[in-house]
PDB file of N, CA and C in Angstrom:
ATOM      1  N   MET A   1       1.733   5.109   6.002  1.00  0.00           N
ATOM      2  CA  MET A   1       1.343   3.890   6.655  1.00  0.00           C
ATOM      3  C   MET A   1       0.446   3.342   5.358  1.00  0.00           C
ATOM      4  N   ASN A   2       0.728   2.008   5.120  1.00  0.00           N
ATOM      5  CA  ASN A   2      -0.141   1.285   3.810  1.00  0.00           C
ATOM      6  C   ASN A   2      -1.205   0.594   4.372  1.00  0.00           C
ATOM      7  N   LYS A   3      -2.121  -0.005   3.696  1.00  0.00           N
ATOM      8  CA  LYS A   3      -3.298  -0.897   3.886  1.00  0.00           C
ATOM      9  C   LYS A   3      -2.794  -2.032   4.744  1.00  0.00           C
ATOM     10  N   SER A   4      -1.749  -2.838   4.516  1.00  0.00           N
ATOM     11  CA  SER A   4      -1.352  -3.843   5.378  1.00  0.00           C
ATOM     12  C   SER A   4      -0.840  -3.515   6.868  1.00  0.00           C
ATOM     13  N   GLU A   5      -0.220  -2.273   6.818  1.00  0.00           N
ATOM     14  CA  GLU A   5      -0.008  -1.732   8.097  1.00  0.00           C
ATOM     15  C   GLU A   5      -0.905  -1.466   8.952  1.00  0.00           C
ATOM     16  N   LEU A   6      -2.003  -0.687   8.238  1.00  0.00           N
ATOM     17  CA  LEU A   6      -3.123  -0.273   8.960  1.00  0.00           C
ATOM     18  C   LEU A   6      -3.957  -1.617   9.496  1.00  0.00           C
ATOM     19  N   ILE A   7      -3.805  -2.799   8.650  1.00  0.00           N
ATOM     20  CA  ILE A   7      -4.706  -3.944   9.040  1.00  0.00           C
ATOM     21  C   ILE A   7      -3.928  -4.315  10.433  1.00  0.00           C
ATOM     22  N   ASP A   8      -2.498  -4.579  10.390  1.00  0.00           N
ATOM     23  CA  ASP A   8      -2.001  -4.938  11.425  1.00  0.00           C
ATOM     24  C   ASP A   8      -2.141  -4.177  12.796  1.00  0.00           C
ATOM     25  N   ALA A   9      -2.210  -2.781  12.543  1.00  0.00           N
ATOM     26  CA  ALA A   9      -2.411  -1.860  13.754  1.00  0.00           C
ATOM     27  C   ALA A   9      -3.809  -2.123  14.206  1.00  0.00           C
ATOM     28  N   MET A  10      -4.933  -2.160  13.285  1.00  0.00           N
ATOM     29  CA  MET A  10      -6.239  -2.526  13.657  1.00  0.00           C
ATOM     30  C   MET A  10      -6.456  -3.782  14.491  1.00  0.00           C
ATOM     31  N   ALA A  11      -5.613  -4.891  13.931  1.00  0.00           N
ATOM     32  CA  ALA A  11      -5.711  -6.204  14.713  1.00  0.00           C
ATOM     33  C   ALA A  11      -5.215  -6.100  16.054  1.00  0.00           C
ATOM     34  N   SER A  12      -4.109  -5.677  16.251  1.00  0.00           N
ATOM     35  CA  SER A  12      -3.409  -5.322  17.410  1.00  0.00           C
ATOM     36  C   SER A  12      -4.160  -4.826  18.335  1.00  0.00           C
ATOM     37  N   ASP A  13      -4.642  -3.362  18.036  1.00  0.00           N
ATOM     38  CA  ASP A  13      -5.509  -2.377  18.969  1.00  0.00           C
ATOM     39  C   ASP A  13      -6.653  -3.196  19.248  1.00  0.00           C
ATOM     40  N   ALA A  14      -7.581  -3.782  18.272  1.00  0.00           N
ATOM     41  CA  ALA A  14      -8.719  -4.294  18.712  1.00  0.00           C
ATOM     42  C   ALA A  14      -8.605  -5.850  19.470  1.00  0.00           C
ATOM     43  N   GLY A  15      -7.531  -6.574  19.282  1.00  0.00           N
ATOM     44  CA  GLY A  15      -7.340  -7.944  19.587  1.00  0.00           C
ATOM     45  C   GLY A  15      -7.951  -8.845  18.815  1.00  0.00           C
ATOM     46  N   ILE A  16      -8.044  -8.576  17.617  1.00  0.00           N
ATOM     47  CA  ILE A  16      -8.464  -9.378  16.558  1.00  0.00           C
ATOM     48  C   ILE A  16      -7.657  -9.949  15.635  1.00  0.00           C
ATOM     49  N   SER A  17      -8.206 -11.059  14.775  1.00  0.00           N
ATOM     50  CA  SER A  17      -6.999 -11.421  13.768  1.00  0.00           C
ATOM     51  C   SER A  17      -6.859 -10.616  12.843  1.00  0.00           C
ATOM     52  N   LYS A  18      -5.919 -10.757  12.059  1.00  0.00           N
ATOM     53  CA  LYS A  18      -5.574  -9.918  10.872  1.00  0.00           C
ATOM     54  C   LYS A  18      -6.774 -10.070   9.905  1.00  0.00           C
ATOM     55  N   ALA A  19      -7.204 -11.348   9.574  1.00  0.00           N
ATOM     56  CA  ALA A  19      -8.397 -11.437   8.813  1.00  0.00           C
ATOM     57  C   ALA A  19      -9.485 -10.739   9.100  1.00  0.00           C
ATOM     58  N   ALA A  20      -9.830 -10.749  10.262  1.00  0.00           N
ATOM     59  CA  ALA A  20     -11.213  -9.707  10.825  1.00  0.00           C
ATOM     60  C   ALA A  20     -10.828  -8.395  10.444  1.00  0.00           C
ATOM     61  N   ALA A  21      -9.605  -8.038  10.926  1.00  0.00           N
ATOM     62  CA  ALA A  21      -9.426  -6.545  10.600  1.00  0.00           C
ATOM     63  C   ALA A  21      -9.459  -6.223   9.213  1.00  0.00           C
ATOM     64  N   LYS A  22      -8.881  -7.044   8.291  1.00  0.00           N
ATOM     65  CA  LYS A  22      -8.872  -6.815   6.701  1.00  0.00           C
ATOM     66  C   LYS A  22     -10.468  -6.806   6.280  1.00  0.00           C
ATOM     67  N   LEU A  23     -11.092  -7.777   7.007  1.00  0.00           N
ATOM     68  CA  LEU A  23     -12.741  -7.822   6.586  1.00  0.00           C
ATOM     69  C   LEU A  23     -13.395  -6.566   6.877  1.00  0.00           C
ATOM     70  N   ALA A  24     -13.003  -6.011   8.225  1.00  0.00           N
ATOM     71  CA  ALA A  24     -13.681  -4.796   8.806  1.00  0.00           C
ATOM     72  C   ALA A  24     -13.314  -3.457   7.971  1.00  0.00           C
ATOM     73  N   LEU A  25     -11.681  -3.353   7.710  1.00  0.00           N
ATOM     74  CA  LEU A  25     -11.653  -2.197   6.653  1.00  0.00           C
ATOM     75  C   LEU A  25     -12.256  -2.360   5.308  1.00  0.00           C
ATOM     76  N   ASP A  26     -12.363  -3.570   4.808  1.00  0.00           N
ATOM     77  CA  ASP A  26     -12.834  -3.571   3.484  1.00  0.00           C
ATOM     78  C   ASP A  26     -14.273  -3.275   3.376  1.00  0.00           C
ATOM     79  N   SER A  27     -14.936  -3.698   4.553  1.00  0.00           N
ATOM     80  CA  SER A  27     -16.492  -3.357   4.541  1.00  0.00           C
ATOM     81  C   SER A  27     -16.435  -1.862   4.846  1.00  0.00           C
ATOM     82  N   PHE A  28     -15.583  -1.170   5.495  1.00  0.00           N
ATOM     83  CA  PHE A  28     -15.679   0.142   5.754  1.00  0.00           C
ATOM     84  C   PHE A  28     -15.538   1.026   4.384  1.00  0.00           C
ATOM     85  N   THR A  29     -14.336   0.649   3.699  1.00  0.00           N
ATOM     86  CA  THR A  29     -14.211   1.306   2.534  1.00  0.00           C
ATOM     87  C   THR A  29     -15.317   1.175   1.348  1.00  0.00           C
ATOM     88  N   GLU A  30     -15.890  -0.016   1.530  1.00  0.00           N
ATOM     89  CA  GLU A  30     -17.023  -0.254   0.461  1.00  0.00           C
ATOM     90  C   GLU A  30     -18.223   0.501   0.666  1.00  0.00           C
ATOM     91  N   SER A  31     -18.335   0.396   2.170  1.00  0.00           N
ATOM     92  CA  SER A  31     -19.632   1.125   2.564  1.00  0.00           C
ATOM     93  C   SER A  31     -19.580   2.588   2.344  1.00  0.00           C
ATOM     94  N   VAL A  32     -18.414   3.170   2.433  1.00  0.00           N
ATOM     95  CA  VAL A  32     -18.194   4.683   2.368  1.00  0.00           C
ATOM     96  C   VAL A  32     -18.324   5.049   0.810  1.00  0.00           C
ATOM     97  N   ALA A  33     -17.612   3.991  -0.032  1.00  0.00           N
ATOM     98  CA  ALA A  33     -17.784   4.440  -1.452  1.00  0.00           C
ATOM     99  C   ALA A  33     -18.989   4.388  -1.966  1.00  0.00           C
ATOM    100  N   GLY A  34     -19.810   3.185  -1.490  1.00  0.00           N
ATOM    101  CA  GLY A  34     -21.149   2.955  -2.013  1.00  0.00           C
ATOM    102  C   GLY A  34     -22.063   4.264  -1.382  1.00  0.00           C
ATOM    103  N   THR A  35     -21.876   4.800  -0.199  1.00  0.00           N
ATOM    104  CA  THR A  35     -22.618   6.043   0.126  1.00  0.00           C
ATOM    105  C   THR A  35     -22.336   7.071  -0.659  1.00  0.00           C
ATOM    106  N   LEU A  36     -21.133   7.215  -1.012  1.00  0.00           N
ATOM    107  CA  LEU A  36     -20.793   8.614  -1.537  1.00  0.00           C
ATOM    108  C   LEU A  36     -21.293   8.386  -3.098  1.00  0.00           C
ATOM    109  N   ALA A  37     -21.523   7.226  -3.705  1.00  0.00           N
ATOM    110  CA  ALA A  37     -21.753   7.006  -5.049  1.00  0.00           C
ATOM    111  C   ALA A  37     -23.087   7.153  -5.214  1.00  0.00           C
ATOM    112  N   LYS A  38     -23.898   7.046  -4.026  1.00  0.00           N
ATOM    113  CA  LYS A  38     -25.350   7.548  -4.047  1.00  0.00           C
ATOM    114  C   LYS A  38     -25.445   9.150  -3.875  1.00  0.00           C
ATOM    115  N   GLY A  39     -24.545   9.825  -3.704  1.00  0.00           N
ATOM    116  CA  GLY A  39     -24.547  11.378  -3.542  1.00  0.00           C
ATOM    117  C   GLY A  39     -24.556  11.638  -2.242  1.00  0.00           C
ATOM    118  N   ASP A  40     -24.633  10.777  -1.173  1.00  0.00           N
ATOM    119  CA  ASP A  40     -24.771  11.186   0.158  1.00  0.00           C
ATOM    120  C   ASP A  40     -23.474  11.376   0.898  1.00  0.00           C
ATOM    121  N   LYS A  41     -23.468  12.029   1.942  1.00  0.00           N
ATOM    122  CA  LYS A  41     -22.048  12.388   2.712  1.00  0.00           C
ATOM    123  C   LYS A  41     -21.989  11.291   3.980  1.00  0.00           C
ATOM    124  N   VAL A  42     -20.810  11.079   4.276  1.00  0.00           N
ATOM    125  CA  VAL A  42     -20.407  10.396   5.298  1.00  0.00           C
ATOM    126  C   VAL A  42     -19.680  10.863   6.457  1.00  0.00           C
ATOM    127  N   ALA A  43     -20.096  11.228   7.589  1.00  0.00           N
ATOM    128  CA  ALA A  43     -19.758  11.869   8.915  1.00  0.00           C
ATOM    129  C   ALA A  43     -19.439  11.085   9.907  1.00  0.00           C
ATOM    130  N   LEU A  44     -18.039  11.172  10.543  1.00  0.00           N
ATOM    131  CA  LEU A  44     -17.701  10.389  11.569  1.00  0.00           C
ATOM    132  C   LEU A  44     -17.191  11.368  12.665  1.00  0.00           C
ATOM    133  N   VAL A  45     -18.139  11.595  13.688  1.00  0.00           N
ATOM    134  CA  VAL A  45     -17.903  12.777  14.385  1.00  0.00           C
ATOM    135  C   VAL A  45     -16.645  12.695  14.989  1.00  0.00           C
ATOM    136  N   GLY A  46     -15.885  13.699  15.074  1.00  0.00           N
ATOM    137  CA  GLY A  46     -14.376  13.778  15.835  1.00  0.00           C
ATOM    138  C   GLY A  46     -13.361  13.236  14.765  1.00  0.00           C
ATOM    139  N   PHE A  47     -13.690  12.441  13.803  1.00  0.00           N
ATOM    140  CA  PHE A  47     -12.728  12.027  12.806  1.00  0.00           C
ATOM    141  C   PHE A  47     -12.718  12.817  11.434  1.00  0.00           C
ATOM    142  N   GLY A  48     -13.856  12.964  10.899  1.00  0.00           N
ATOM    143  CA  GLY A  48     -14.035  14.048   9.895  1.00  0.00           C
ATOM    144  C   GLY A  48     -15.163  13.652   8.986  1.00  0.00           C
ATOM    145  N   SER A  49     -15.458  14.114   7.767  1.00  0.00           N
ATOM    146  CA  SER A  49     -16.426  13.637   6.813  1.00  0.00           C
ATOM    147  C   SER A  49     -15.912  13.455   5.377  1.00  0.00           C
ATOM    148  N   PHE A  50     -16.612  12.798   4.649  1.00  0.00           N
ATOM    149  CA  PHE A  50     -16.294  12.487   3.110  1.00  0.00           C
ATOM    150  C   PHE A  50     -17.494  13.075   2.633  1.00  0.00           C
ATOM    151  N   SER A  51     -17.192  13.747   1.358  1.00  0.00           N
ATOM    152  CA  SER A  51     -18.345  14.273   0.663  1.00  0.00           C
ATOM    153  C   SER A  51     -17.841  14.018  -0.860  1.00  0.00           C
ATOM    154  N   ILE A  52     -18.953  14.287  -1.633  1.00  0.00           N
ATOM    155  CA  ILE A  52     -18.637  14.480  -3.190  1.00  0.00           C
ATOM    156  C   ILE A  52     -18.752  15.818  -3.469  1.00  0.00           C
ATOM    157  N   SER A  53     -17.914  16.405  -4.265  1.00  0.00           N
ATOM    158  CA  SER A  53     -18.087  17.835  -4.828  1.00  0.00           C
ATOM    159  C   SER A  53     -17.937  17.823  -6.468  1.00  0.00           C
ATOM    160  N   ALA A  54     -18.582  18.553  -7.111  1.00  0.00           N
ATOM    161  CA  ALA A  54     -18.739  18.471  -8.610  1.00  0.00           C
ATOM    162  C   ALA A  54     -17.429  19.584  -9.185  1.00  0.00           C
ATOM    163  N   ARG A  55     -16.571  19.219  -9.907  1.00  0.00           N
ATOM    164  CA  ARG A  55     -15.493  19.952 -10.435  1.00  0.00           C
ATOM    165  C   ARG A  55     -15.913  20.193 -12.094  1.00  0.00           C
ATOM    166  N   ALA A  56     -15.997  21.461 -12.177  1.00  0.00           N
ATOM    167  CA  ALA A  56     -16.274  21.853 -13.633  1.00  0.00           C
ATOM    168  C   ALA A  56     -15.370  21.695 -14.621  1.00  0.00           C
ATOM    169  N   ALA A  57     -15.745  21.613 -15.830  1.00  0.00           N
ATOM    170  CA  ALA A  57     -14.827  21.274 -16.882  1.00  0.00           C
ATOM    171  C   ALA A  57     -14.152  22.463 -17.131  1.00  0.00           C
ATOM    172  N   ARG A  58     -12.952  22.476 -17.372  1.00  0.00           N
ATOM    173  CA  ARG A  58     -11.913  23.425 -17.565  1.00  0.00           C
ATOM    174  C   ARG A  58     -10.893  23.152 -18.607  1.00  0.00           C
ATOM    175  N   GLU A  59     -10.217  24.376 -18.699  1.00  0.00           N
ATOM    176  CA  GLU A  59      -8.965  24.380 -19.744  1.00  0.00           C
ATOM    177  C   GLU A  59      -7.782  24.006 -19.164  1.00  0.00           C
ATOM    178  N   GLY A  60      -6.969  23.191 -19.857  1.00  0.00           N
ATOM    179  CA  GLY A  60      -5.563  23.005 -19.190  1.00  0.00           C
ATOM    180  C   GLY A  60      -4.630  22.905 -20.258  1.00  0.00           C
ATOM    181  N   ARG A  61      -3.454  22.829 -19.868  1.00  0.00           N
ATOM    182  CA  ARG A  61      -2.399  22.475 -20.788  1.00  0.00           C
ATOM    183  C   ARG A  61      -1.395  21.297 -20.735  1.00  0.00           C
ATOM    184  N   ASN A  62      -1.248  20.981 -21.904  1.00  0.00           N
ATOM    185  CA  ASN A  62      -0.214  19.874 -22.180  1.00  0.00           C
ATOM    186  C   ASN A  62       1.177  20.304 -21.447  1.00  0.00           C
ATOM    187  N   PRO A  63       1.797  19.639 -20.561  1.00  0.00           N
ATOM    188  CA  PRO A  63       3.100  20.090 -20.041  1.00  0.00           C
ATOM    189  C   PRO A  63       4.020  19.984 -21.176  1.00  0.00           C
ATOM    190  N   GLN A  64       4.054  19.027 -21.800  1.00  0.00           N
ATOM    191  CA  GLN A  64       5.098  18.582 -22.931  1.00  0.00           C
ATOM    192  C   GLN A  64       5.004  19.521 -23.960  1.00  0.00           C
ATOM    193  N   THR A  65       3.773  19.626 -24.448  1.00  0.00           N
ATOM    194  CA  THR A  65       3.695  20.300 -25.960  1.00  0.00           C
ATOM    195  C   THR A  65       3.406  21.709 -25.665  1.00  0.00           C
ATOM    196  N   GLY A  66       2.608  21.992 -24.507  1.00  0.00           N
ATOM    197  CA  GLY A  66       2.236  23.531 -24.330  1.00  0.00           C
ATOM    198  C   GLY A  66       0.668  23.625 -24.980  1.00  0.00           C
ATOM    199  N   LYS A  67       0.188  22.788 -25.555  1.00  0.00           N
ATOM    200  CA  LYS A  67      -0.958  22.812 -26.226  1.00  0.00           C
ATOM    201  C   LYS A  67      -2.255  22.643 -25.278  1.00  0.00           C
ATOM    202  N   THR A  68      -3.206  23.678 -25.672  1.00  0.00           N
ATOM    203  CA  THR A  68      -4.328  23.840 -24.641  1.00  0.00           C
ATOM    204  C   THR A  68      -5.227  22.394 -24.947  1.00  0.00           C
ATOM    205  N   ILE A  69      -5.747  21.932 -23.752  1.00  0.00           N
ATOM    206  CA  ILE A  69      -6.667  20.696 -23.822  1.00  0.00           C
ATOM    207  C   ILE A  69      -7.614  20.923 -23.015  1.00  0.00           C
ATOM    208  N   GLN A  70      -8.798  20.191 -23.152  1.00  0.00           N
ATOM    209  CA  GLN A  70      -9.990  20.238 -22.514  1.00  0.00           C
ATOM    210  C   GLN A  70     -10.203  19.255 -21.484  1.00  0.00           C
ATOM    211  N   ILE A  71     -10.274  19.602 -20.175  1.00  0.00           N
ATOM    212  CA  ILE A  71     -10.446  18.843 -19.089  1.00  0.00           C
ATOM    213  C   ILE A  71     -11.735  18.497 -18.771  1.00  0.00           C
ATOM    214  N   ALA A  72     -12.491  17.402 -18.819  1.00  0.00           N
ATOM    215  CA  ALA A  72     -13.755  17.131 -18.553  1.00  0.00           C
ATOM    216  C   ALA A  72     -14.278  17.256 -17.106  1.00  0.00           C
ATOM    217  N   ALA A  73     -15.719  17.669 -17.066  1.00  0.00           N
ATOM    218  CA  ALA A  73     -16.094  17.790 -15.512  1.00  0.00           C
ATOM    219  C   ALA A  73     -16.089  16.453 -14.814  1.00  0.00           C
ATOM    220  N   LYS A  74     -16.162  16.379 -13.704  1.00  0.00           N
ATOM    221  CA  LYS A  74     -16.104  15.073 -12.932  1.00  0.00           C
ATOM    222  C   LYS A  74     -16.415  15.554 -11.637  1.00  0.00           C
ATOM    223  N   ASN A  75     -16.945  14.263 -10.863  1.00  0.00           N
ATOM    224  CA  ASN A  75     -17.289  14.525  -9.293  1.00  0.00           C
ATOM    225  C   ASN A  75     -15.817  14.016  -8.759  1.00  0.00           C
ATOM    226  N   VAL A  76     -15.441  14.527  -7.398  1.00  0.00           N
ATOM    227  CA  VAL A  76     -14.402  14.084  -6.872  1.00  0.00           C
ATOM    228  C   VAL A  76     -14.779  14.026  -5.285  1.00  0.00           C
ATOM    229  N   VAL A  77     -14.043  13.313  -4.601  1.00  0.00           N
ATOM    230  CA  VAL A  77     -14.202  13.137  -3.236  1.00  0.00           C
ATOM    231  C   VAL A  77     -13.395  14.088  -2.371  1.00  0.00           C
ATOM    232  N   LYS A  78     -14.052  14.542  -1.501  1.00  0.00           N
ATOM    233  CA  LYS A  78     -13.525  15.441  -0.741  1.00  0.00           C
ATOM    234  C   LYS A  78     -13.218  15.181   0.990  1.00  0.00           C
ATOM    235  N   PHE A  79     -12.440  15.090   1.550  1.00  0.00           N
ATOM    236  CA  PHE A  79     -12.270  14.679   3.020  1.00  0.00           C
ATOM    237  C   PHE A  79     -11.969  16.167   3.967  1.00  0.00           C
ATOM    238  N   LYS A  80     -12.801  16.335   5.087  1.00  0.00           N
ATOM    239  CA  LYS A  80     -12.560  17.394   5.877  1.00  0.00           C
ATOM    240  C   LYS A  80     -12.431  16.684   7.218  1.00  0.00           C
ATOM    241  N   ALA A  81     -11.328  16.958   7.879  1.00  0.00           N
ATOM    242  CA  ALA A  81     -10.787  16.433   9.168  1.00  0.00           C
ATOM    243  C   ALA A  81     -11.733  17.161  10.359  1.00  0.00           C
ATOM    244  N   GLY A  82     -12.081  16.288  11.031  1.00  0.00           N
ATOM    245  CA  GLY A  82     -12.762  16.724  12.354  1.00  0.00           C
ATOM    246  C   GLY A  82     -11.865  17.246  13.521  1.00  0.00           C
ATOM    247  N   ALA A  83     -12.530  18.009  14.322  1.00  0.00           N
ATOM    248  CA  ALA A  83     -11.870  18.506  15.416  1.00  0.00           C
ATOM    249  C   ALA A  83     -10.754  17.773  16.036  1.00  0.00           C
ATOM    250  N   ASP A  84     -11.220  16.446  16.570  1.00  0.00           N
ATOM    251  CA  ASP A  84     -10.411  15.488  17.512  1.00  0.00           C
ATOM    252  C   ASP A  84      -9.188  15.130  16.551  1.00  0.00           C
ATOM    253  N   LEU A  85      -9.355  14.902  15.212  1.00  0.00           N
ATOM    254  CA  LEU A  85      -8.502  14.182  14.311  1.00  0.00           C
ATOM    255  C   LEU A  85      -7.396  15.448  14.156  1.00  0.00           C
ATOM    256  N   SER A  86      -7.749  16.730  14.016  1.00  0.00           N
ATOM    257  CA  SER A  86      -6.956  17.856  13.883  1.00  0.00           C
ATOM    258  C   SER A  86      -6.144  18.189  14.941  1.00  0.00           C
ATOM    259  N   GLY A  87      -6.841  18.014  16.199  1.00  0.00           N
ATOM    260  CA  GLY A  87      -5.963  18.210  17.409  1.00  0.00           C
ATOM    261  C   GLY A  87      -4.933  17.458  17.587  1.00  0.00           C
ATOM    262  N   LYS A  88      -5.200  16.055  17.024  1.00  0.00           N
ATOM    263  CA  LYS A  88      -4.043  14.944  17.335  1.00  0.00           C
ATOM    264  C   LYS A  88      -2.861  15.208  16.736  1.00  0.00           C
ATOM    265  N   VAL A  89      -3.160  15.877  15.546  1.00  0.00           N
ATOM    266  CA  VAL A  89      -1.867  15.916  14.452  1.00  0.00           C
ATOM    267  C   VAL A  89      -0.886  17.213  14.566  1.00  0.00           C
ATOM    268  N   ASN A  90      -1.405  18.214  15.529  1.00  0.00           N
ATOM    269  CA  ASN A  90      -1.110  19.569  15.853  1.00  0.00           C
ATOM    270  C   ASN A  90      -0.071  19.447  16.934  1.00  0.00           C
TER     271      ASN A  90
END
């Protein structure tokens, strides 16, 4: 499912226009991104939680040349599915 298909499904399920569904989805993604950027966690009970994790700098290899390269440290987004979501996909 891509973004436009999700917007269509949200509009249909909620009985709202596609424009309203797009606005709601964009607002959700911006809110989650803003919260994570501040270093906070987003927890949606039953669905899952989004958090930030620090990934340390490490050594890697260029697959074309085999040369060793340095990979910089960075923060990555993690998602952990909640019990309700996990139960629906099993």
